[in-house]
Amino acid sequence: QFKDNPQLKEELMQGIKSGHMAPYYKEVCEDLGWRFDQKLYDEMAKENQSRLAKFEDDDSETPVWQ
């Protein structure tokens, strides 16, 4: 019903991009039949890996369990 609404698509895409939601982006494209942009997906996935590595580094420096 809403998959062809350009305003809703733009709002959803803005949220996906700002949150680097690569897995969610892939699922939304499949579910709604949108064109999948592999380059965008790869960029978001790369950012996610970078953030994850930072969290893992931070965690290894302060191994405090609460």
N, C-alpha and C. Protein backbone atom coordinates (compact mmCIF):
# COMPACT_ATOMS: atom_id res chain seq x y z
N GLN A 1 0.82 -1.19 0.00
CA GLN A 1 0.00 0.00 0.00
C GLN A 1 0.87 1.26 0.00
N PHE A 2 1.93 1.30 0.82
CA PHE A 2 2.76 2.49 0.93
C PHE A 2 4.07 2.39 0.16
N LYS A 3 4.34 1.26 -0.48
CA LYS A 3 5.65 1.05 -1.09
C LYS A 3 5.95 2.01 -2.24
N ASP A 4 4.92 2.57 -2.87
CA ASP A 4 5.14 3.48 -3.99
C ASP A 4 4.98 4.94 -3.58
N ASN A 5 4.88 5.22 -2.29
CA ASN A 5 4.74 6.59 -1.81
C ASN A 5 6.14 7.21 -1.72
N PRO A 6 6.46 8.18 -2.59
CA PRO A 6 7.82 8.73 -2.63
C PRO A 6 8.23 9.44 -1.33
N GLN A 7 7.28 10.09 -0.67
CA GLN A 7 7.62 10.80 0.57
C GLN A 7 7.99 9.81 1.68
N LEU A 8 7.20 8.75 1.81
CA LEU A 8 7.51 7.75 2.83
C LEU A 8 8.82 7.03 2.52
N LYS A 9 9.04 6.76 1.23
CA LYS A 9 10.29 6.11 0.84
C LYS A 9 11.48 6.99 1.21
N GLU A 10 11.39 8.28 0.92
CA GLU A 10 12.48 9.20 1.23
C GLU A 10 12.73 9.27 2.73
N GLU A 11 11.68 9.34 3.52
CA GLU A 11 11.83 9.40 4.98
C GLU A 11 12.47 8.11 5.51
N LEU A 12 12.03 6.99 5.01
CA LEU A 12 12.59 5.72 5.44
C LEU A 12 14.06 5.61 5.04
N MET A 13 14.37 6.01 3.82
CA MET A 13 15.76 5.94 3.35
C MET A 13 16.66 6.87 4.15
N GLN A 14 16.17 8.03 4.52
CA GLN A 14 16.97 8.94 5.35
C GLN A 14 17.32 8.29 6.68
N GLY A 15 16.34 7.65 7.29
CA GLY A 15 16.58 6.97 8.56
C GLY A 15 17.55 5.81 8.42
N ILE A 16 17.39 5.05 7.35
CA ILE A 16 18.28 3.91 7.10
C ILE A 16 19.71 4.39 6.90
N LYS A 17 19.87 5.44 6.09
CA LYS A 17 21.22 5.96 5.82
C LYS A 17 21.85 6.57 7.06
N SER A 18 21.09 7.35 7.81
CA SER A 18 21.67 8.01 8.98
C SER A 18 22.05 7.01 10.07
N GLY A 19 21.34 5.89 10.12
CA GLY A 19 21.64 4.87 11.12
C GLY A 19 22.53 3.75 10.61
N HIS A 20 22.96 3.86 9.35
CA HIS A 20 23.81 2.83 8.72
C HIS A 20 23.20 1.45 8.90
N MET A 21 21.92 1.32 8.58
CA MET A 21 21.17 0.08 8.80
C MET A 21 21.23 -0.84 7.58
N ALA A 22 22.42 -1.34 7.30
CA ALA A 22 22.62 -2.17 6.11
C ALA A 22 21.70 -3.39 6.05
N PRO A 23 21.63 -4.22 7.09
CA PRO A 23 20.76 -5.40 7.00
C PRO A 23 19.29 -5.03 6.82
N TYR A 24 18.86 -3.98 7.50
CA TYR A 24 17.47 -3.53 7.38
C TYR A 24 17.21 -3.01 5.97
N TYR A 25 18.16 -2.28 5.41
CA TYR A 25 18.04 -1.75 4.05
C TYR A 25 17.82 -2.90 3.06
N LYS A 26 18.61 -3.94 3.19
CA LYS A 26 18.49 -5.08 2.28
C LYS A 26 17.11 -5.72 2.40
N GLU A 27 16.64 -5.88 3.62
CA GLU A 27 15.33 -6.49 3.85
C GLU A 27 14.20 -5.62 3.30
N VAL A 28 14.28 -4.31 3.51
CA VAL A 28 13.26 -3.39 3.02
C VAL A 28 13.20 -3.44 1.49
N CYS A 29 14.36 -3.44 0.85
CA CYS A 29 14.39 -3.49 -0.61
C CYS A 29 13.74 -4.77 -1.12
N GLU A 30 14.04 -5.88 -0.47
CA GLU A 30 13.44 -7.16 -0.88
C GLU A 30 11.94 -7.16 -0.65
N ASP A 31 11.52 -6.71 0.53
CA ASP A 31 10.10 -6.74 0.88
C ASP A 31 9.25 -5.80 0.03
N LEU A 32 9.80 -4.62 -0.28
CA LEU A 32 9.01 -3.62 -1.00
C LEU A 32 9.32 -3.55 -2.49
N GLY A 33 10.25 -4.38 -2.95
CA GLY A 33 10.57 -4.41 -4.37
C GLY A 33 11.33 -3.19 -4.85
N TRP A 34 12.07 -2.56 -3.94
CA TRP A 34 12.86 -1.38 -4.33
C TRP A 34 14.18 -1.83 -4.94
N ARG A 35 14.75 -0.95 -5.77
CA ARG A 35 16.05 -1.23 -6.37
C ARG A 35 17.10 -1.26 -5.26
N PHE A 36 17.91 -2.30 -5.25
CA PHE A 36 18.95 -2.47 -4.22
C PHE A 36 20.24 -1.85 -4.72
N ASP A 37 20.79 -0.92 -3.95
CA ASP A 37 22.04 -0.24 -4.29
C ASP A 37 23.18 -0.92 -3.53
N GLN A 38 23.93 -1.76 -4.22
CA GLN A 38 25.00 -2.52 -3.57
C GLN A 38 26.07 -1.60 -2.99
N LYS A 39 26.37 -0.52 -3.70
CA LYS A 39 27.40 0.42 -3.21
C LYS A 39 26.96 1.04 -1.88
N LEU A 40 25.72 1.47 -1.79
CA LEU A 40 25.20 2.03 -0.55
C LEU A 40 25.25 0.99 0.57
N TYR A 41 24.82 -0.21 0.26
CA TYR A 41 24.85 -1.30 1.24
C TYR A 41 26.27 -1.54 1.75
N ASP A 42 27.22 -1.61 0.82
CA ASP A 42 28.61 -1.85 1.20
C ASP A 42 29.16 -0.73 2.08
N GLU A 43 28.81 0.51 1.77
CA GLU A 43 29.27 1.65 2.57
C GLU A 43 28.71 1.57 3.99
N MET A 44 27.43 1.25 4.11
CA MET A 44 26.82 1.14 5.44
C MET A 44 27.41 -0.04 6.21
N ALA A 45 27.62 -1.16 5.54
CA ALA A 45 28.19 -2.33 6.19
C ALA A 45 29.62 -2.04 6.66
N LYS A 46 30.37 -1.31 5.85
CA LYS A 46 31.74 -0.94 6.23
C LYS A 46 31.73 -0.06 7.47
N GLU A 47 30.82 0.90 7.52
CA GLU A 47 30.70 1.77 8.69
C GLU A 47 30.33 0.96 9.92
N ASN A 48 29.44 -0.01 9.76
CA ASN A 48 29.06 -0.87 10.89
C ASN A 48 30.26 -1.66 11.40
N GLN A 49 31.07 -2.19 10.49
CA GLN A 49 32.25 -2.95 10.90
C GLN A 49 33.24 -2.05 11.64
N SER A 50 33.39 -0.83 11.16
CA SER A 50 34.28 0.13 11.80
C SER A 50 33.81 0.45 13.22
N ARG A 51 32.52 0.67 13.37
CA ARG A 51 31.97 0.96 14.70
C ARG A 51 32.10 -0.23 15.63
N LEU A 52 31.85 -1.41 15.11
CA LEU A 52 31.96 -2.62 15.92
C LEU A 52 33.40 -2.81 16.39
N ALA A 53 34.36 -2.60 15.50
CA ALA A 53 35.76 -2.73 15.87
C ALA A 53 36.12 -1.75 16.97
N LYS A 54 35.59 -0.53 16.90
CA LYS A 54 35.87 0.47 17.92
C LYS A 54 35.31 0.02 19.27
N PHE A 55 34.09 -0.50 19.28
CA PHE A 55 33.50 -1.00 20.52
C PHE A 55 34.31 -2.16 21.10
N GLU A 56 34.75 -3.05 20.23
CA GLU A 56 35.54 -4.19 20.69
C GLU A 56 36.87 -3.73 21.26
N ASP A 57 37.50 -2.73 20.62
CA ASP A 57 38.75 -2.18 21.14
C ASP A 57 38.53 -1.53 22.49
N ASP A 58 37.48 -0.74 22.61
CA ASP A 58 37.17 -0.08 23.87
C ASP A 58 36.91 -1.10 24.97
N ASP A 59 36.21 -2.16 24.63
CA ASP A 59 35.87 -3.20 25.60
C ASP A 59 37.12 -3.93 26.08
N SER A 60 38.07 -4.16 25.18
CA SER A 60 39.28 -4.89 25.57
C SER A 60 40.17 -4.05 26.47
N GLU A 61 40.05 -2.73 26.40
CA GLU A 61 40.85 -1.84 27.23
C GLU A 61 40.27 -1.70 28.64
N THR A 62 38.98 -1.91 28.78
CA THR A 62 38.34 -1.76 30.09
C THR A 62 37.48 -2.98 30.40
N PRO A 63 38.13 -4.09 30.72
CA PRO A 63 37.37 -5.32 30.97
C PRO A 63 36.73 -5.35 32.36
N VAL A 64 35.82 -4.46 32.58
CA VAL A 64 35.15 -4.38 33.87
C VAL A 64 33.75 -4.97 33.72
N TRP A 65 33.47 -5.97 34.53
CA TRP A 65 32.14 -6.58 34.50
C TRP A 65 31.34 -6.03 35.66
N GLN A 66 30.13 -5.66 35.39
CA GLN A 66 29.28 -5.11 36.44
C GLN A 66 28.13 -6.03 36.74
